[in-house]
Amino acid sequence: MNEVENDMVKKKTKGTKRKTARLLAGGNPQIAKAEGEKAVKKYIAAIPGWKKKVVERINGSITMAVPETKYAVKWNSPFYGIEDQGWYATIHVFTKYVKITFFNGVSLNPHPPGFTDRSKNARWLDIYENDNIDSVMMASWIQQAAKLPGWNP
């Protein structure tokens, strides 16, 4: 087999292999930017270990609490928003925890606990492996956040 034929075989083989998401620091999947719930499901499917269950649970809470949510994957994270209103939340996987950020979290009652002096309106919740998620509070934050003006990059 000559060099050109060898390259063609490699390309054919490469195209037939099942692609798995590359994991970035902390086990966060590297997923191409895309709109829609299918993209978010692809992101979730690529999350390793216990963090996948946490994200599945949050994603399910969002779907139930705000059925009109629009979905996207941007910057290797799922985003949740309302049409013509902006993004109200995002999830990111880190080495030891999962973070859900509410872009206008300062307006939620009560505020999610995470913030820094530079976080402006954003507030978040860091969820570690053995943490219990207060599903009632999470649903309340999601519903409140979806009613507020969102983030428009």
Protein backbone atom coordinates (compact mmCIF):
# COMPACT_ATOMS: atom_id res chain seq x y z
CA MET A 1 0.00 0.00 0.00
CA ASN A 2 1.43 3.37 -0.97
CA GLU A 3 1.42 6.47 1.23
CA VAL A 4 -1.72 8.01 -0.35
CA GLU A 5 -3.71 4.76 0.03
CA ASN A 6 -2.51 4.45 3.63
CA ASP A 7 -3.76 8.00 4.39
CA MET A 8 -7.15 7.16 2.81
CA VAL A 9 -7.51 4.06 5.00
CA LYS A 10 -6.64 6.10 8.08
CA LYS A 11 -9.28 8.69 7.16
CA LYS A 12 -11.94 6.02 6.60
CA THR A 13 -11.07 4.30 9.87
CA LYS A 14 -10.98 7.61 11.69
CA GLY A 15 -14.46 8.48 10.41
CA THR A 16 -15.98 5.20 11.56
CA LYS A 17 -14.63 5.28 15.09
CA ARG A 18 -17.02 6.31 17.82
CA LYS A 19 -16.00 9.70 19.10
CA THR A 20 -15.88 10.22 22.83
CA ALA A 21 -15.67 13.62 24.42
CA ARG A 22 -12.28 14.74 25.59
CA LEU A 23 -12.24 15.58 29.27
CA LEU A 24 -10.80 18.91 30.31
CA ALA A 25 -9.48 19.80 33.75
CA GLY A 26 -11.68 18.45 36.51
CA GLY A 27 -13.46 15.99 34.22
CA ASN A 28 -15.43 18.69 32.40
CA PRO A 29 -16.33 17.35 28.92
CA GLN A 30 -15.10 19.26 25.89
CA ILE A 31 -18.22 19.55 23.76
CA ALA A 32 -18.59 21.70 20.66
CA LYS A 33 -20.81 24.78 20.95
CA ALA A 34 -24.34 23.87 19.91
CA GLU A 35 -27.94 24.90 20.52
CA GLY A 36 -30.65 22.58 21.81
CA GLU A 37 -31.42 19.97 24.40
CA LYS A 38 -29.60 17.29 22.38
CA ALA A 39 -26.29 19.16 22.85
CA VAL A 40 -26.84 19.32 26.62
CA LYS A 41 -27.65 15.61 26.74
CA LYS A 42 -24.42 14.91 24.85
CA TYR A 43 -22.52 16.97 27.43
CA ILE A 44 -24.17 15.11 30.33
CA ALA A 45 -23.49 11.70 28.76
CA ALA A 46 -19.77 12.52 28.66
CA ILE A 47 -19.46 13.48 32.36
CA PRO A 48 -17.56 10.89 34.39
CA GLY A 49 -18.54 9.36 37.72
CA TRP A 50 -20.81 10.78 40.42
CA LYS A 51 -20.88 14.23 38.81
CA LYS A 52 -23.00 12.89 35.95
CA LYS A 53 -25.81 12.00 38.38
CA VAL A 54 -25.67 15.46 39.96
CA VAL A 55 -25.91 17.18 36.58
CA GLU A 56 -28.67 14.82 35.43
CA ARG A 57 -30.63 15.70 38.55
CA ILE A 58 -30.18 19.47 38.09
CA ASN A 59 -31.00 19.22 34.39
CA GLY A 60 -34.14 17.25 35.25
CA SER A 61 -35.14 19.87 37.82
CA ILE A 62 -34.75 22.58 35.19
CA THR A 63 -36.82 20.64 32.65
CA MET A 64 -39.62 20.11 35.18
CA ALA A 65 -39.56 23.57 36.78
CA VAL A 66 -39.35 25.58 33.55
CA PRO A 67 -40.49 23.52 30.54
CA GLU A 68 -40.03 26.46 28.15
CA THR A 69 -36.28 26.54 28.84
CA LYS A 70 -33.98 26.74 25.83
CA TYR A 71 -30.72 24.79 25.98
CA ALA A 72 -27.22 25.21 24.59
CA VAL A 73 -23.65 24.17 25.20
CA LYS A 74 -21.25 27.10 25.20
CA TRP A 75 -17.67 27.20 26.48
CA ASN A 76 -17.91 23.50 27.45
CA SER A 77 -20.86 24.07 29.79
CA PRO A 78 -24.63 23.66 29.43
CA PHE A 79 -26.59 26.92 29.44
CA TYR A 80 -30.26 27.36 30.27
CA GLY A 81 -32.33 30.33 29.16
CA ILE A 82 -35.61 31.81 28.08
CA GLU A 83 -36.18 32.93 24.50
CA ASP A 84 -35.70 36.70 24.09
CA GLN A 85 -34.75 37.00 27.77
CA GLY A 86 -31.25 35.53 27.96
CA TRP A 87 -29.48 32.78 29.86
CA TYR A 88 -30.50 32.33 33.48
CA ALA A 89 -28.17 29.49 34.55
CA THR A 90 -25.17 27.38 33.62
CA ILE A 91 -23.55 24.26 35.03
CA HIS A 92 -19.83 23.48 35.11
CA VAL A 93 -17.98 20.37 36.27
CA PHE A 94 -14.85 20.83 38.37
CA THR A 95 -12.45 18.31 39.92
CA LYS A 96 -14.24 18.02 43.28
CA TYR A 97 -17.64 19.59 42.68
CA VAL A 98 -20.36 20.65 40.26
CA LYS A 99 -21.28 24.32 40.11
CA ILE A 100 -24.65 25.72 39.09
CA THR A 101 -24.47 29.45 38.50
CA PHE A 102 -27.47 31.74 38.33
CA PHE A 103 -26.51 34.81 36.30
CA ASN A 104 -28.93 37.08 38.17
CA GLY A 105 -28.60 35.15 41.43
CA VAL A 106 -28.37 38.29 43.55
CA SER A 107 -32.10 38.72 42.84
CA LEU A 108 -33.03 35.24 44.09
CA ASN A 109 -34.56 34.78 47.52
CA PRO A 110 -32.66 33.48 49.38
CA HIS A 111 -29.41 34.07 47.48
CA PRO A 112 -27.44 30.98 46.51
CA PRO A 113 -24.39 30.99 48.80
CA GLY A 114 -21.51 31.31 46.33
CA PHE A 115 -20.10 34.68 45.30
CA THR A 116 -16.96 36.78 45.25
CA ASP A 117 -16.41 40.53 45.33
CA ARG A 118 -16.09 40.41 41.52
CA SER A 119 -19.11 38.20 40.78
CA LYS A 120 -21.50 41.15 40.32
CA ASN A 121 -25.05 39.72 40.01
CA ALA A 122 -24.04 36.05 39.71
CA ARG A 123 -24.53 33.63 42.58
CA TRP A 124 -23.90 29.89 42.62
CA LEU A 125 -24.09 26.65 44.48
CA ASP A 126 -21.14 24.23 44.63
CA ILE A 127 -22.25 20.62 45.01
CA TYR A 128 -19.75 18.05 46.32
CA GLU A 129 -19.97 14.27 46.02
CA ASN A 130 -21.84 13.50 49.23
CA ASP A 131 -23.92 16.69 49.43
CA ASN A 132 -27.67 16.47 49.64
CA ILE A 133 -29.38 18.69 47.09
CA ASP A 134 -32.38 20.53 48.50
CA SER A 135 -34.69 19.86 45.54
CA VAL A 136 -37.34 22.30 46.77
CA MET A 137 -34.81 25.14 47.06
CA MET A 138 -33.22 24.23 43.72
CA ALA A 139 -36.62 24.29 41.98
CA SER A 140 -37.41 27.63 43.61
CA TRP A 141 -34.11 29.17 42.45
CA ILE A 142 -34.64 27.81 38.92
CA GLN A 143 -38.19 29.16 38.70
CA GLN A 144 -37.18 32.55 40.11
CA ALA A 145 -34.13 32.80 37.81
CA ALA A 146 -36.18 31.98 34.70
CA LYS A 147 -38.46 34.98 35.39
CA LEU A 148 -35.60 37.46 35.63
CA PRO A 149 -33.67 39.18 32.85
CA GLY A 150 -30.93 36.81 31.79
CA TRP A 151 -27.36 37.14 30.60
CA ASN A 152 -26.84 37.94 26.93
CA PRO A 153 -23.22 37.50 25.87
